[in-house]
Amino acid sequence: MEILIELNQIISNKKWIFGESINKLDISILPFIRQFRIANPEWFDMQVSIHSVKRVLNNFLESELLNEIMINYDEWKEGSKPEYFPIFNLSD
């Protein structure tokens, strides 16, 4: 939480943590903040000392980037049809 409070002071009124455009540092940090929130969303959402962090996280959660990479698969059950992860071209 101390790290998030410090990060909150860095963000100020920017759209992303490090500026107006999302960059590799944002993409590296935001999944960890997302996981931190997932542990206890009600508690996280009530924290007023990290309002800018929560705003930036919300930008990330609603971003096209996250929606493109986070594919939700159905829970596997006995007899389910196999699903395979997408194949990415690593040469891109």
PDB file of N, CA and C in Angstrom:
ATOM      1  N   MET A   1       0.822  -1.188   0.000  1.00  0.00           N
ATOM      2  CA  MET A   1       0.000   0.000   0.000  1.00  0.00           C
ATOM      3  C   MET A   1       0.869   1.257   0.000  1.00  0.00           C
ATOM      4  N   GLU A   2       1.999   1.207   0.711  1.00  0.00           N
ATOM      5  CA  GLU A   2       2.899   2.363   0.731  1.00  0.00           C
ATOM      6  C   GLU A   2       3.403   2.693  -0.677  1.00  0.00           C
ATOM      7  N   ILE A   3       3.688   1.655  -1.450  1.00  0.00           N
ATOM      8  CA  ILE A   3       4.146   1.867  -2.828  1.00  0.00           C
ATOM      9  C   ILE A   3       3.046   2.517  -3.655  1.00  0.00           C
ATOM     10  N   LEU A   4       1.814   2.076  -3.481  1.00  0.00           N
ATOM     11  CA  LEU A   4       0.704   2.658  -4.234  1.00  0.00           C
ATOM     12  C   LEU A   4       0.476   4.118  -3.848  1.00  0.00           C
ATOM     13  N   ILE A   5       0.655   4.443  -2.590  1.00  0.00           N
ATOM     14  CA  ILE A   5       0.503   5.838  -2.147  1.00  0.00           C
ATOM     15  C   ILE A   5       1.580   6.708  -2.793  1.00  0.00           C
ATOM     16  N   GLU A   6       2.814   6.209  -2.849  1.00  0.00           N
ATOM     17  CA  GLU A   6       3.889   6.954  -3.518  1.00  0.00           C
ATOM     18  C   GLU A   6       3.605   7.095  -5.005  1.00  0.00           C
ATOM     19  N   LEU A   7       3.144   6.026  -5.615  1.00  0.00           N
ATOM     20  CA  LEU A   7       2.798   6.038  -7.032  1.00  0.00           C
ATOM     21  C   LEU A   7       1.676   7.036  -7.294  1.00  0.00           C
ATOM     22  N   ASN A   8       0.726   7.106  -6.403  1.00  0.00           N
ATOM     23  CA  ASN A   8      -0.389   8.040  -6.525  1.00  0.00           C
ATOM     24  C   ASN A   8       0.110   9.478  -6.621  1.00  0.00           C
ATOM     25  N   GLN A   9       1.176   9.806  -5.888  1.00  0.00           N
ATOM     26  CA  GLN A   9       1.733  11.160  -5.923  1.00  0.00           C
ATOM     27  C   GLN A   9       2.433  11.453  -7.245  1.00  0.00           C
ATOM     28  N   ILE A  10       2.974  10.419  -7.876  1.00  0.00           N
ATOM     29  CA  ILE A  10       3.647  10.574  -9.166  1.00  0.00           C
ATOM     30  C   ILE A  10       2.636  10.816 -10.283  1.00  0.00           C
ATOM     31  N   ILE A  11       1.508  10.137 -10.222  1.00  0.00           N
ATOM     32  CA  ILE A  11       0.529  10.156 -11.308  1.00  0.00           C
ATOM     33  C   ILE A  11      -0.076  11.539 -11.518  1.00  0.00           C
ATOM     34  N   SER A  12      -0.472  12.194 -10.458  1.00  0.00           N
ATOM     35  CA  SER A  12      -1.127  13.493 -10.544  1.00  0.00           C
ATOM     36  C   SER A  12      -2.394  13.383 -11.388  1.00  0.00           C
ATOM     37  N   ASN A  13      -2.494  14.187 -12.439  1.00  0.00           N
ATOM     38  CA  ASN A  13      -3.708  14.180 -13.273  1.00  0.00           C
ATOM     39  C   ASN A  13      -3.483  13.548 -14.638  1.00  0.00           C
ATOM     40  N   LYS A  14      -2.421  12.784 -14.776  1.00  0.00           N
ATOM     41  CA  LYS A  14      -2.119  12.143 -16.057  1.00  0.00           C
ATOM     42  C   LYS A  14      -3.064  10.974 -16.309  1.00  0.00           C
ATOM     43  N   LYS A  15      -3.237  10.643 -17.596  1.00  0.00           N
ATOM     44  CA  LYS A  15      -4.098   9.510 -17.944  1.00  0.00           C
ATOM     45  C   LYS A  15      -3.461   8.192 -17.525  1.00  0.00           C
ATOM     46  N   TRP A  16      -2.147   8.108 -17.649  1.00  0.00           N
ATOM     47  CA  TRP A  16      -1.415   6.889 -17.302  1.00  0.00           C
ATOM     48  C   TRP A  16      -0.393   7.238 -16.229  1.00  0.00           C
ATOM     49  N   ILE A  17       0.276   6.252 -15.712  1.00  0.00           N
ATOM     50  CA  ILE A  17       1.213   6.492 -14.604  1.00  0.00           C
ATOM     51  C   ILE A  17       2.333   7.438 -15.035  1.00  0.00           C
ATOM     52  N   PHE A  18       2.861   7.221 -16.230  1.00  0.00           N
ATOM     53  CA  PHE A  18       4.039   7.971 -16.653  1.00  0.00           C
ATOM     54  C   PHE A  18       3.775   8.951 -17.788  1.00  0.00           C
ATOM     55  N   GLY A  19       2.523   9.318 -18.000  1.00  0.00           N
ATOM     56  CA  GLY A  19       2.240  10.311 -19.035  1.00  0.00           C
ATOM     57  C   GLY A  19       0.854  10.158 -19.626  1.00  0.00           C
ATOM     58  N   GLU A  20       0.664  10.812 -20.747  1.00  0.00           N
ATOM     59  CA  GLU A  20      -0.647  10.804 -21.405  1.00  0.00           C
ATOM     60  C   GLU A  20      -0.847   9.594 -22.305  1.00  0.00           C
ATOM     61  N   SER A  21       0.227   8.906 -22.651  1.00  0.00           N
ATOM     62  CA  SER A  21       0.141   7.700 -23.485  1.00  0.00           C
ATOM     63  C   SER A  21       0.631   6.504 -22.684  1.00  0.00           C
ATOM     64  N   ILE A  22      -0.045   5.377 -22.851  1.00  0.00           N
ATOM     65  CA  ILE A  22       0.393   4.167 -22.158  1.00  0.00           C
ATOM     66  C   ILE A  22       1.756   3.748 -22.711  1.00  0.00           C
ATOM     67  N   ASN A  23       2.620   3.272 -21.830  1.00  0.00           N
ATOM     68  CA  ASN A  23       3.939   2.833 -22.278  1.00  0.00           C
ATOM     69  C   ASN A  23       4.311   1.518 -21.590  1.00  0.00           C
ATOM     70  N   LYS A  24       5.498   1.032 -21.862  1.00  0.00           N
ATOM     71  CA  LYS A  24       5.924  -0.269 -21.331  1.00  0.00           C
ATOM     72  C   LYS A  24       5.965  -0.294 -19.810  1.00  0.00           C
ATOM     73  N   LEU A  25       6.309   0.807 -19.181  1.00  0.00           N
ATOM     74  CA  LEU A  25       6.337   0.835 -17.718  1.00  0.00           C
ATOM     75  C   LEU A  25       4.929   0.696 -17.143  1.00  0.00           C
ATOM     76  N   ASP A  26       3.958   1.383 -17.749  1.00  0.00           N
ATOM     77  CA  ASP A  26       2.566   1.232 -17.314  1.00  0.00           C
ATOM     78  C   ASP A  26       2.125  -0.224 -17.465  1.00  0.00           C
ATOM     79  N   ILE A  27       2.417  -0.792 -18.624  1.00  0.00           N
ATOM     80  CA  ILE A  27       2.006  -2.169 -18.921  1.00  0.00           C
ATOM     81  C   ILE A  27       2.685  -3.153 -17.975  1.00  0.00           C
ATOM     82  N   SER A  28       3.874  -2.815 -17.494  1.00  0.00           N
ATOM     83  CA  SER A  28       4.595  -3.689 -16.560  1.00  0.00           C
ATOM     84  C   SER A  28       4.034  -3.611 -15.142  1.00  0.00           C
ATOM     85  N   ILE A  29       3.565  -2.444 -14.737  1.00  0.00           N
ATOM     86  CA  ILE A  29       3.114  -2.225 -13.362  1.00  0.00           C
ATOM     87  C   ILE A  29       1.635  -2.511 -13.163  1.00  0.00           C
ATOM     88  N   LEU A  30       0.812  -2.117 -14.114  1.00  0.00           N
ATOM     89  CA  LEU A  30      -0.642  -2.199 -13.930  1.00  0.00           C
ATOM     90  C   LEU A  30      -1.185  -3.614 -13.686  1.00  0.00           C
ATOM     91  N   PRO A  31      -0.645  -4.665 -14.300  1.00  0.00           N
ATOM     92  CA  PRO A  31      -1.151  -6.004 -13.953  1.00  0.00           C
ATOM     93  C   PRO A  31      -0.954  -6.362 -12.478  1.00  0.00           C
ATOM     94  N   PHE A  32       0.138  -5.881 -11.863  1.00  0.00           N
ATOM     95  CA  PHE A  32       0.354  -6.145 -10.444  1.00  0.00           C
ATOM     96  C   PHE A  32      -0.655  -5.386  -9.588  1.00  0.00           C
ATOM     97  N   ILE A  33      -0.965  -4.155  -9.981  1.00  0.00           N
ATOM     98  CA  ILE A  33      -1.977  -3.386  -9.255  1.00  0.00           C
ATOM     99  C   ILE A  33      -3.338  -4.049  -9.426  1.00  0.00           C
ATOM    100  N   ARG A  34      -3.610  -4.541 -10.613  1.00  0.00           N
ATOM    101  CA  ARG A  34      -4.869  -5.257 -10.874  1.00  0.00           C
ATOM    102  C   ARG A  34      -4.993  -6.473  -9.955  1.00  0.00           C
ATOM    103  N   GLN A  35      -3.923  -7.245  -9.826  1.00  0.00           N
ATOM    104  CA  GLN A  35      -3.935  -8.422  -8.961  1.00  0.00           C
ATOM    105  C   GLN A  35      -4.112  -8.026  -7.494  1.00  0.00           C
ATOM    106  N   PHE A  36      -3.481  -6.935  -7.098  1.00  0.00           N
ATOM    107  CA  PHE A  36      -3.610  -6.432  -5.728  1.00  0.00           C
ATOM    108  C   PHE A  36      -5.072  -6.113  -5.437  1.00  0.00           C
ATOM    109  N   ARG A  37      -5.746  -5.473  -6.398  1.00  0.00           N
ATOM    110  CA  ARG A  37      -7.158  -5.137  -6.228  1.00  0.00           C
ATOM    111  C   ARG A  37      -8.021  -6.391  -6.175  1.00  0.00           C
ATOM    112  N   ILE A  38      -7.712  -7.384  -7.005  1.00  0.00           N
ATOM    113  CA  ILE A  38      -8.507  -8.613  -7.068  1.00  0.00           C
ATOM    114  C   ILE A  38      -8.553  -9.314  -5.705  1.00  0.00           C
ATOM    115  N   ALA A  39      -7.487  -9.185  -4.925  1.00  0.00           N
ATOM    116  CA  ALA A  39      -7.433  -9.849  -3.615  1.00  0.00           C
ATOM    117  C   ALA A  39      -8.554  -9.380  -2.693  1.00  0.00           C
ATOM    118  N   ASN A  40      -8.931  -8.097  -2.785  1.00  0.00           N
ATOM    119  CA  ASN A  40     -10.009  -7.562  -1.946  1.00  0.00           C
ATOM    120  C   ASN A  40     -10.558  -6.290  -2.599  1.00  0.00           C
ATOM    121  N   PRO A  41     -11.407  -6.441  -3.619  1.00  0.00           N
ATOM    122  CA  PRO A  41     -11.893  -5.280  -4.369  1.00  0.00           C
ATOM    123  C   PRO A  41     -12.615  -4.235  -3.517  1.00  0.00           C
ATOM    124  N   GLU A  42     -13.412  -4.678  -2.564  1.00  0.00           N
ATOM    125  CA  GLU A  42     -14.158  -3.724  -1.739  1.00  0.00           C
ATOM    126  C   GLU A  42     -13.207  -2.839  -0.938  1.00  0.00           C
ATOM    127  N   TRP A  43     -12.214  -3.458  -0.315  1.00  0.00           N
ATOM    128  CA  TRP A  43     -11.225  -2.709   0.461  1.00  0.00           C
ATOM    129  C   TRP A  43     -10.455  -1.754  -0.449  1.00  0.00           C
ATOM    130  N   PHE A  44      -9.969  -2.270  -1.578  1.00  0.00           N
ATOM    131  CA  PHE A  44      -9.181  -1.467  -2.513  1.00  0.00           C
ATOM    132  C   PHE A  44      -9.972  -0.248  -2.977  1.00  0.00           C
ATOM    133  N   ASP A  45     -11.212  -0.462  -3.361  1.00  0.00           N
ATOM    134  CA  ASP A  45     -12.042   0.620  -3.889  1.00  0.00           C
ATOM    135  C   ASP A  45     -12.356   1.693  -2.851  1.00  0.00           C
ATOM    136  N   MET A  46     -12.285   1.363  -1.580  1.00  0.00           N
ATOM    137  CA  MET A  46     -12.563   2.326  -0.510  1.00  0.00           C
ATOM    138  C   MET A  46     -11.351   3.192  -0.156  1.00  0.00           C
ATOM    139  N   GLN A  47     -10.180   2.878  -0.681  1.00  0.00           N
ATOM    140  CA  GLN A  47      -8.959   3.598  -0.326  1.00  0.00           C
ATOM    141  C   GLN A  47      -8.902   4.966  -1.021  1.00  0.00           C
ATOM    142  N   VAL A  48      -9.097   6.024  -0.247  1.00  0.00           N
ATOM    143  CA  VAL A  48      -9.102   7.376  -0.814  1.00  0.00           C
ATOM    144  C   VAL A  48      -7.695   7.908  -1.082  1.00  0.00           C
ATOM    145  N   SER A  49      -6.704   7.323  -0.440  1.00  0.00           N
ATOM    146  CA  SER A  49      -5.330   7.816  -0.591  1.00  0.00           C
ATOM    147  C   SER A  49      -4.683   7.410  -1.914  1.00  0.00           C
ATOM    148  N   ILE A  50      -5.367   6.590  -2.705  1.00  0.00           N
ATOM    149  CA  ILE A  50      -4.815   6.157  -3.995  1.00  0.00           C
ATOM    150  C   ILE A  50      -5.813   6.422  -5.127  1.00  0.00           C
ATOM    151  N   HIS A  51      -6.515   7.535  -5.053  1.00  0.00           N
ATOM    152  CA  HIS A  51      -7.541   7.843  -6.045  1.00  0.00           C
ATOM    153  C   HIS A  51      -6.995   7.904  -7.471  1.00  0.00           C
ATOM    154  N   SER A  52      -5.794   8.443  -7.675  1.00  0.00           N
ATOM    155  CA  SER A  52      -5.215   8.498  -9.026  1.00  0.00           C
ATOM    156  C   SER A  52      -4.816   7.118  -9.514  1.00  0.00           C
ATOM    157  N   VAL A  53      -4.309   6.286  -8.619  1.00  0.00           N
ATOM    158  CA  VAL A  53      -3.970   4.902  -8.978  1.00  0.00           C
ATOM    159  C   VAL A  53      -5.228   4.171  -9.435  1.00  0.00           C
ATOM    160  N   LYS A  54      -6.309   4.354  -8.717  1.00  0.00           N
ATOM    161  CA  LYS A  54      -7.566   3.685  -9.070  1.00  0.00           C
ATOM    162  C   LYS A  54      -8.085   4.182 -10.422  1.00  0.00           C
ATOM    163  N   ARG A  55      -7.930   5.469 -10.696  1.00  0.00           N
ATOM    164  CA  ARG A  55      -8.362   6.017 -11.983  1.00  0.00           C
ATOM    165  C   ARG A  55      -7.546   5.426 -13.129  1.00  0.00           C
ATOM    166  N   VAL A  56      -6.229   5.370 -12.964  1.00  0.00           N
ATOM    167  CA  VAL A  56      -5.361   4.805 -13.994  1.00  0.00           C
ATOM    168  C   VAL A  56      -5.641   3.310 -14.166  1.00  0.00           C
ATOM    169  N   LEU A  57      -5.841   2.596 -13.067  1.00  0.00           N
ATOM    170  CA  LEU A  57      -6.174   1.185 -13.160  1.00  0.00           C
ATOM    171  C   LEU A  57      -7.472   1.000 -13.946  1.00  0.00           C
ATOM    172  N   ASN A  58      -8.451   1.846 -13.685  1.00  0.00           N
ATOM    173  CA  ASN A  58      -9.708   1.763 -14.415  1.00  0.00           C
ATOM    174  C   ASN A  58      -9.494   2.020 -15.907  1.00  0.00           C
ATOM    175  N   ASN A  59      -8.622   2.975 -16.249  1.00  0.00           N
ATOM    176  CA  ASN A  59      -8.277   3.206 -17.664  1.00  0.00           C
ATOM    177  C   ASN A  59      -7.725   1.933 -18.284  1.00  0.00           C
ATOM    178  N   PHE A  60      -6.873   1.257 -17.535  1.00  0.00           N
ATOM    179  CA  PHE A  60      -6.263   0.017 -18.015  1.00  0.00           C
ATOM    180  C   PHE A  60      -7.305  -1.093 -18.168  1.00  0.00           C
ATOM    181  N   LEU A  61      -8.163  -1.240 -17.159  1.00  0.00           N
ATOM    182  CA  LEU A  61      -9.177  -2.299 -17.201  1.00  0.00           C
ATOM    183  C   LEU A  61     -10.167  -2.107 -18.348  1.00  0.00           C
ATOM    184  N   GLU A  62     -10.385  -0.868 -18.744  1.00  0.00           N
ATOM    185  CA  GLU A  62     -11.320  -0.579 -19.832  1.00  0.00           C
ATOM    186  C   GLU A  62     -10.625  -0.416 -21.178  1.00  0.00           C
ATOM    187  N   SER A  63      -9.313  -0.598 -21.214  1.00  0.00           N
ATOM    188  CA  SER A  63      -8.557  -0.361 -22.442  1.00  0.00           C
ATOM    189  C   SER A  63      -8.743  -1.479 -23.465  1.00  0.00           C
ATOM    190  N   GLU A  64      -8.633  -1.090 -24.709  1.00  0.00           N
ATOM    191  CA  GLU A  64      -8.695  -2.056 -25.806  1.00  0.00           C
ATOM    192  C   GLU A  64      -7.527  -3.034 -25.706  1.00  0.00           C
ATOM    193  N   LEU A  65      -6.372  -2.528 -25.273  1.00  0.00           N
ATOM    194  CA  LEU A  65      -5.183  -3.371 -25.123  1.00  0.00           C
ATOM    195  C   LEU A  65      -5.457  -4.557 -24.205  1.00  0.00           C
ATOM    196  N   LEU A  66      -5.987  -4.295 -23.034  1.00  0.00           N
ATOM    197  CA  LEU A  66      -6.260  -5.384 -22.088  1.00  0.00           C
ATOM    198  C   LEU A  66      -7.318  -6.332 -22.643  1.00  0.00           C
ATOM    199  N   ASN A  67      -8.350  -5.780 -23.250  1.00  0.00           N
ATOM    200  CA  ASN A  67      -9.408  -6.623 -23.806  1.00  0.00           C
ATOM    201  C   ASN A  67      -8.900  -7.527 -24.922  1.00  0.00           C
ATOM    202  N   GLU A  68      -7.897  -7.067 -25.662  1.00  0.00           N
ATOM    203  CA  GLU A  68      -7.325  -7.884 -26.738  1.00  0.00           C
ATOM    204  C   GLU A  68      -6.466  -9.031 -26.202  1.00  0.00           C
ATOM    205  N   ILE A  69      -5.780  -8.815 -25.089  1.00  0.00           N
ATOM    206  CA  ILE A  69      -4.853  -9.843 -24.611  1.00  0.00           C
ATOM    207  C   ILE A  69      -5.451 -10.762 -23.548  1.00  0.00           C
ATOM    208  N   MET A  70      -6.476 -10.307 -22.835  1.00  0.00           N
ATOM    209  CA  MET A  70      -7.071 -11.113 -21.772  1.00  0.00           C
ATOM    210  C   MET A  70      -8.261 -11.901 -22.319  1.00  0.00           C
ATOM    211  N   ILE A  71      -7.984 -13.091 -22.734  1.00  0.00           N
ATOM    212  CA  ILE A  71      -9.022 -13.949 -23.282  1.00  0.00           C
ATOM    213  C   ILE A  71      -9.552 -14.822 -22.144  1.00  0.00           C
ATOM    214  N   ASN A  72     -10.855 -14.758 -21.923  1.00  0.00           N
ATOM    215  CA  ASN A  72     -11.468 -15.581 -20.881  1.00  0.00           C
ATOM    216  C   ASN A  72     -11.889 -16.922 -21.464  1.00  0.00           C
ATOM    217  N   TYR A  73     -11.392 -17.955 -20.873  1.00  0.00           N
ATOM    218  CA  TYR A  73     -11.743 -19.306 -21.293  1.00  0.00           C
ATOM    219  C   TYR A  73     -12.738 -19.887 -20.299  1.00  0.00           C
ATOM    220  N   ASP A  74     -13.605 -20.755 -20.799  1.00  0.00           N
ATOM    221  CA  ASP A  74     -14.531 -21.446 -19.916  1.00  0.00           C
ATOM    222  C   ASP A  74     -13.749 -22.377 -18.994  1.00  0.00           C
ATOM    223  N   GLU A  75     -14.267 -22.579 -17.801  1.00  0.00           N
ATOM    224  CA  GLU A  75     -13.654 -23.508 -16.866  1.00  0.00           C
ATOM    225  C   GLU A  75     -13.684 -24.910 -17.471  1.00  0.00           C
ATOM    226  N   TRP A  76     -12.559 -25.615 -17.390  1.00  0.00           N
ATOM    227  CA  TRP A  76     -12.494 -26.962 -17.935  1.00  0.00           C
ATOM    228  C   TRP A  76     -13.293 -27.908 -17.056  1.00  0.00           C
ATOM    229  N   LYS A  77     -14.054 -28.762 -17.691  1.00  0.00           N
ATOM    230  CA  LYS A  77     -14.809 -29.791 -16.989  1.00  0.00           C
ATOM    231  C   LYS A  77     -14.596 -31.109 -17.718  1.00  0.00           C
ATOM    232  N   GLU A  78     -14.750 -32.187 -16.984  1.00  0.00           N
ATOM    233  CA  GLU A  78     -14.609 -33.527 -17.571  1.00  0.00           C
ATOM    234  C   GLU A  78     -15.458 -33.615 -18.839  1.00  0.00           C
ATOM    235  N   GLY A  79     -14.838 -34.019 -19.934  1.00  0.00           N
ATOM    236  CA  GLY A  79     -15.540 -34.167 -21.200  1.00  0.00           C
ATOM    237  C   GLY A  79     -15.599 -32.903 -22.040  1.00  0.00           C
ATOM    238  N   SER A  80     -15.034 -31.800 -21.541  1.00  0.00           N
ATOM    239  CA  SER A  80     -15.039 -30.548 -22.308  1.00  0.00           C
ATOM    240  C   SER A  80     -14.189 -30.686 -23.557  1.00  0.00           C
ATOM    241  N   LYS A  81     -14.586 -29.973 -24.589  1.00  0.00           N
ATOM    242  CA  LYS A  81     -13.805 -29.920 -25.819  1.00  0.00           C
ATOM    243  C   LYS A  81     -12.504 -29.165 -25.531  1.00  0.00           C
ATOM    244  N   PRO A  82     -11.380 -29.659 -26.016  1.00  0.00           N
ATOM    245  CA  PRO A  82     -10.111 -28.964 -25.767  1.00  0.00           C
ATOM    246  C   PRO A  82     -10.102 -27.564 -26.384  1.00  0.00           C
ATOM    247  N   GLU A  83      -9.504 -26.623 -25.672  1.00  0.00           N
ATOM    248  CA  GLU A  83      -9.290 -25.281 -26.203  1.00  0.00           C
ATOM    249  C   GLU A  83      -7.802 -25.022 -26.175  1.00  0.00           C
ATOM    250  N   TYR A  84      -7.306 -24.398 -27.221  1.00  0.00           N
ATOM    251  CA  TYR A  84      -5.888 -24.130 -27.333  1.00  0.00           C
ATOM    252  C   TYR A  84      -5.639 -22.637 -27.268  1.00  0.00           C
ATOM    253  N   PHE A  85      -4.526 -22.267 -26.654  1.00  0.00           N
ATOM    254  CA  PHE A  85      -4.179 -20.869 -26.580  1.00  0.00           C
ATOM    255  C   PHE A  85      -3.915 -20.361 -27.992  1.00  0.00           C
ATOM    256  N   PRO A  86      -4.156 -19.073 -28.230  1.00  0.00           N
ATOM    257  CA  PRO A  86      -3.862 -18.534 -29.564  1.00  0.00           C
ATOM    258  C   PRO A  86      -2.374 -18.650 -29.869  1.00  0.00           C
ATOM    259  N   ILE A  87      -2.082 -18.837 -31.106  1.00  0.00           N
ATOM    260  CA  ILE A  87      -0.677 -18.902 -31.544  1.00  0.00           C
ATOM    261  C   ILE A  87      -0.279 -17.517 -32.018  1.00  0.00           C
ATOM    262  N   PHE A  88       0.768 -16.995 -31.423  1.00  0.00           N
ATOM    263  CA  PHE A  88       1.252 -15.669 -31.796  1.00  0.00           C
ATOM    264  C   PHE A  88       2.478 -15.816 -32.666  1.00  0.00           C
ATOM    265  N   ASN A  89       2.639 -14.928 -33.610  1.00  0.00           N
ATOM    266  CA  ASN A  89       3.810 -14.910 -34.460  1.00  0.00           C
ATOM    267  C   ASN A  89       4.913 -14.193 -33.695  1.00  0.00           C
ATOM    268  N   LEU A  90       5.901 -14.907 -33.245  1.00  0.00           N
ATOM    269  CA  LEU A  90       6.969 -14.338 -32.414  1.00  0.00           C
ATOM    270  C   LEU A  90       7.940 -13.484 -33.219  1.00  0.00           C
ATOM    271  N   SER A  91       7.848 -13.538 -34.541  1.00  0.00           N
ATOM    272  CA  SER A  91       8.775 -12.732 -35.357  1.00  0.00           C
ATOM    273  C   SER A  91       8.294 -11.302 -35.523  1.00  0.00           C
ATOM    274  N   ASP A  92       7.070 -10.984 -35.071  1.00  0.00           N
ATOM    275  CA  ASP A  92       6.540  -9.610 -35.185  1.00  0.00           C
ATOM    276  C   ASP A  92       7.204  -8.686 -34.216  1.00  0.00           C
TER     277      ASP A  92
END
